């Protein structure tokens, strides 16, 4: 795709998000289903599409560590270092979530959030200027697709916009590392 086509693709995805729609988009890990992370109705639609229990949390993507602050009462000091020095995609589970759809916030008040550095998803988050839900593009319990070609028709039909960028990329992606940080400085590695 040309830069102009990519820019148009991102513009259409942003417009869809602003209207409360669901998008299918490439991330720094695997293809994801996304929506505005503050739109409770859109988040519920993702749960329905994935046939997933509301009690199973989904993560959010942002374009920068600074944007992360908008969604947390307090960011532990170590989180800044982890984000800055991460060599691969890193999802942090942090306490004190705010300004998000209630169903994205776990019972303990935490949320999973990741700063994406991959070109398309980073630019999408930057242009949207808000957190975007990112959950694997599969029905709950089915294998996560590692490339666009592995996404089921049911998922494709359930979203309002499918991004064109990276659809032909067949490289196999992996899920992110997950670390839970407590405000007391406690660190728990959930997935390496």
Protein backbone atom coordinates (compact mmCIF):
# COMPACT_ATOMS: atom_id res chain seq x y z
CA UNK A 1 0.00 0.00 0.00
CA UNK A 2 1.10 3.57 -0.63
CA UNK A 3 1.45 6.05 2.23
CA UNK A 4 -1.65 7.83 0.92
CA UNK A 5 -3.67 4.58 1.01
CA UNK A 6 -2.46 3.83 4.54
CA UNK A 7 -3.40 7.34 5.67
CA UNK A 8 -6.88 6.93 4.13
CA UNK A 9 -7.25 3.50 5.79
CA UNK A 10 -6.37 4.98 9.20
CA UNK A 11 -8.70 7.96 8.61
CA UNK A 12 -11.63 5.61 7.86
CA UNK A 13 -10.84 3.49 10.94
CA UNK A 14 -10.78 6.63 13.14
CA UNK A 15 -14.13 7.78 11.72
CA UNK A 16 -15.59 4.33 12.47
CA UNK A 17 -14.30 4.48 16.07
CA UNK A 18 -15.76 7.98 16.55
CA UNK A 19 -19.18 6.69 15.47
CA UNK A 20 -19.01 3.92 18.09
CA UNK A 21 -18.13 1.24 15.54
CA UNK A 22 -15.95 -1.85 15.73
CA UNK A 23 -12.81 -2.25 13.65
CA UNK A 24 -10.60 -5.18 12.72
CA UNK A 25 -7.01 -3.98 12.71
CA UNK A 26 -3.35 -5.06 12.78
CA UNK A 27 -1.53 -4.44 16.06
CA UNK A 28 2.00 -4.86 17.38
CA UNK A 29 1.09 -8.47 18.18
CA UNK A 30 -1.84 -10.17 16.44
CA UNK A 31 -4.86 -8.84 14.54
CA UNK A 32 -7.34 -7.30 16.94
CA UNK A 33 -10.94 -6.26 17.27
CA UNK A 34 -11.09 -2.69 18.50
CA UNK A 35 -13.39 0.10 19.57
CA UNK A 36 -13.26 3.29 21.61
CA UNK A 37 -12.19 2.08 25.07
CA UNK A 38 -14.53 4.59 26.75
CA UNK A 39 -17.64 3.53 24.79
CA UNK A 40 -19.47 0.96 26.91
CA UNK A 41 -21.93 -0.02 24.16
CA UNK A 42 -19.12 -0.66 21.65
CA UNK A 43 -17.23 -2.72 24.26
CA UNK A 44 -20.40 -4.80 24.86
CA UNK A 45 -20.63 -5.43 21.10
CA UNK A 46 -17.09 -6.87 21.16
CA UNK A 47 -18.00 -9.18 24.04
CA UNK A 48 -21.05 -10.35 22.06
CA UNK A 49 -19.08 -10.83 18.84
CA UNK A 50 -16.41 -12.86 20.63
CA UNK A 51 -19.09 -14.75 22.61
CA UNK A 52 -17.03 -13.93 25.67
CA UNK A 53 -18.04 -13.51 29.30
CA UNK A 54 -18.02 -9.92 30.54
CA UNK A 55 -15.81 -11.01 33.45
CA UNK A 56 -12.86 -11.67 31.09
CA UNK A 57 -11.04 -8.37 30.72
CA UNK A 58 -9.73 -6.97 27.43
CA UNK A 59 -6.75 -4.68 27.04
CA UNK A 60 -6.34 -1.19 25.61
CA UNK A 61 -3.74 0.21 23.24
CA UNK A 62 -2.36 3.74 23.42
CA UNK A 63 0.25 5.55 21.36
CA UNK A 64 2.45 6.78 24.21
CA UNK A 65 3.29 6.37 27.87
CA UNK A 66 1.99 9.91 28.45
CA UNK A 67 -1.43 8.95 27.06
CA UNK A 68 -1.48 6.03 29.52
CA UNK A 69 -1.80 8.56 32.37
CA UNK A 70 -5.28 9.58 31.19
CA UNK A 71 -6.60 6.11 32.09
CA UNK A 72 -4.96 5.55 35.48
CA UNK A 73 -5.20 7.32 38.82
CA UNK A 74 -1.47 6.76 39.33
CA UNK A 75 1.24 5.18 37.19
CA UNK A 76 3.91 3.34 39.23
CA UNK A 77 7.41 4.70 38.60
CA UNK A 78 8.66 1.33 37.35
CA UNK A 79 5.99 1.34 34.61
CA UNK A 80 7.72 4.23 32.81
CA UNK A 81 11.00 2.30 32.70
CA UNK A 82 9.32 -0.94 31.59
CA UNK A 83 7.55 0.82 28.72
CA UNK A 84 10.68 2.70 27.66
CA UNK A 85 13.02 -0.30 27.67
CA UNK A 86 10.67 -3.07 26.49
CA UNK A 87 12.19 -4.87 23.53
CA UNK A 88 8.96 -6.61 22.54
CA UNK A 89 5.26 -5.78 23.01
CA UNK A 90 4.49 -5.41 26.72
CA UNK A 91 1.05 -5.24 28.29
CA UNK A 92 0.99 -3.79 31.79
CA UNK A 93 -1.85 -4.54 34.19
CA UNK A 94 -2.16 -1.49 36.39
CA UNK A 95 -4.42 -0.54 39.30
CA UNK A 96 -6.69 2.47 39.47
CA UNK A 97 -8.27 2.48 36.01
CA UNK A 98 -10.36 5.55 35.13
CA UNK A 99 -12.05 7.09 32.07
CA UNK A 100 -12.74 3.70 30.48
CA UNK A 101 -15.88 1.68 29.78
CA UNK A 102 -16.75 -0.05 33.08
CA UNK A 103 -16.65 -3.54 31.53
CA UNK A 104 -12.97 -3.03 30.61
CA UNK A 105 -12.04 -2.53 34.25
CA UNK A 106 -11.40 -5.71 36.23
CA UNK A 107 -13.13 -6.30 39.57
CA UNK A 108 -9.98 -5.21 41.40
CA UNK A 109 -9.98 -1.87 39.53
CA UNK A 110 -7.11 -2.75 37.20
CA UNK A 111 -6.80 -2.55 33.44
CA UNK A 112 -4.42 -4.03 30.87
CA UNK A 113 -2.80 -1.33 28.77
CA UNK A 114 -0.06 -1.41 26.14
CA UNK A 115 1.89 1.29 24.33
CA UNK A 116 2.07 0.13 20.72
CA UNK A 117 5.09 0.92 18.58
CA UNK A 118 3.98 -0.92 15.42
CA UNK A 119 3.48 1.65 12.65
CA UNK A 120 -0.21 1.13 11.78
CA UNK A 121 -1.64 0.64 15.29
CA UNK A 122 0.57 3.42 16.69
CA UNK A 123 -0.61 5.88 14.04
CA UNK A 124 -4.22 4.77 14.58
CA UNK A 125 -3.97 5.40 18.34
CA UNK A 126 -2.15 8.70 17.74
CA UNK A 127 -4.79 9.95 15.29
CA UNK A 128 -7.68 8.79 17.46
CA UNK A 129 -6.14 10.44 20.55
CA UNK A 130 -7.76 7.90 22.89
CA UNK A 131 -7.28 4.36 24.10
CA UNK A 132 -8.52 1.68 21.70
CA UNK A 133 -9.64 -1.77 22.81
CA UNK A 134 -7.44 -4.56 21.50
CA UNK A 135 -8.63 -8.14 21.80
CA UNK A 136 -7.72 -11.08 19.61
CA UNK A 137 -9.81 -11.41 16.44
CA UNK A 138 -11.40 -14.76 17.30
CA UNK A 139 -14.42 -16.30 18.97
CA UNK A 140 -13.63 -16.92 22.63
CA UNK A 141 -11.95 -20.32 23.04
CA UNK A 142 -10.87 -20.57 19.38
CA UNK A 143 -7.19 -20.20 18.46
CA UNK A 144 -5.99 -16.61 18.04
CA UNK A 145 -5.27 -15.83 14.38
CA UNK A 146 -1.60 -15.05 13.80
CA UNK A 147 -2.31 -13.33 10.47
CA UNK A 148 -5.29 -11.78 8.67
CA UNK A 149 -5.93 -14.90 6.54
CA UNK A 150 -6.71 -16.91 9.70
CA UNK A 151 -9.56 -14.63 10.86
CA UNK A 152 -12.99 -16.26 10.62
CA UNK A 153 -15.77 -14.90 8.42
CA UNK A 154 -17.97 -14.59 11.51
CA UNK A 155 -15.55 -12.09 13.03
CA UNK A 156 -15.12 -10.20 9.74
CA UNK A 157 -18.89 -9.86 9.33
CA UNK A 158 -19.30 -8.66 12.93
CA UNK A 159 -17.21 -5.50 12.62
CA UNK A 160 -18.01 -2.17 10.95
CA UNK A 161 -14.64 -1.64 9.25
CA UNK A 162 -11.77 -3.95 8.30
CA UNK A 163 -8.47 -2.17 7.87
CA UNK A 164 -6.70 -2.88 4.57
CA UNK A 165 -3.20 -2.29 5.94
CA UNK A 166 -1.06 -5.40 6.48
CA UNK A 167 -3.73 -7.86 5.28
CA UNK A 168 -1.13 -9.54 3.05
CA UNK A 169 1.48 -9.76 5.81
CA UNK A 170 1.85 -13.49 6.51
CA UNK A 171 4.52 -13.22 9.21
CA UNK A 172 3.42 -15.02 12.37
CA UNK A 173 2.88 -12.73 15.34
CA UNK A 174 2.92 -13.60 19.02
CA UNK A 175 0.92 -12.26 21.96
CA UNK A 176 2.55 -9.67 24.21
CA UNK A 177 4.41 -10.18 27.44
CA UNK A 178 2.12 -9.37 30.41
CA UNK A 179 3.31 -7.88 33.70
CA UNK A 180 1.04 -6.85 36.58
CA UNK A 181 2.28 -3.93 38.66
CA UNK A 182 0.88 -3.05 42.06
CA UNK A 183 0.99 0.49 43.41
CA UNK A 184 3.04 -0.95 46.28
CA UNK A 185 5.83 -1.85 43.82
CA UNK A 186 4.91 -5.52 43.58
CA UNK A 187 5.69 -7.04 40.15
CA UNK A 188 4.06 -10.22 38.84
CA UNK A 189 4.99 -11.70 35.46
CA UNK A 190 1.83 -13.24 33.99
CA UNK A 191 3.10 -14.13 30.50
CA UNK A 192 6.72 -14.04 29.32
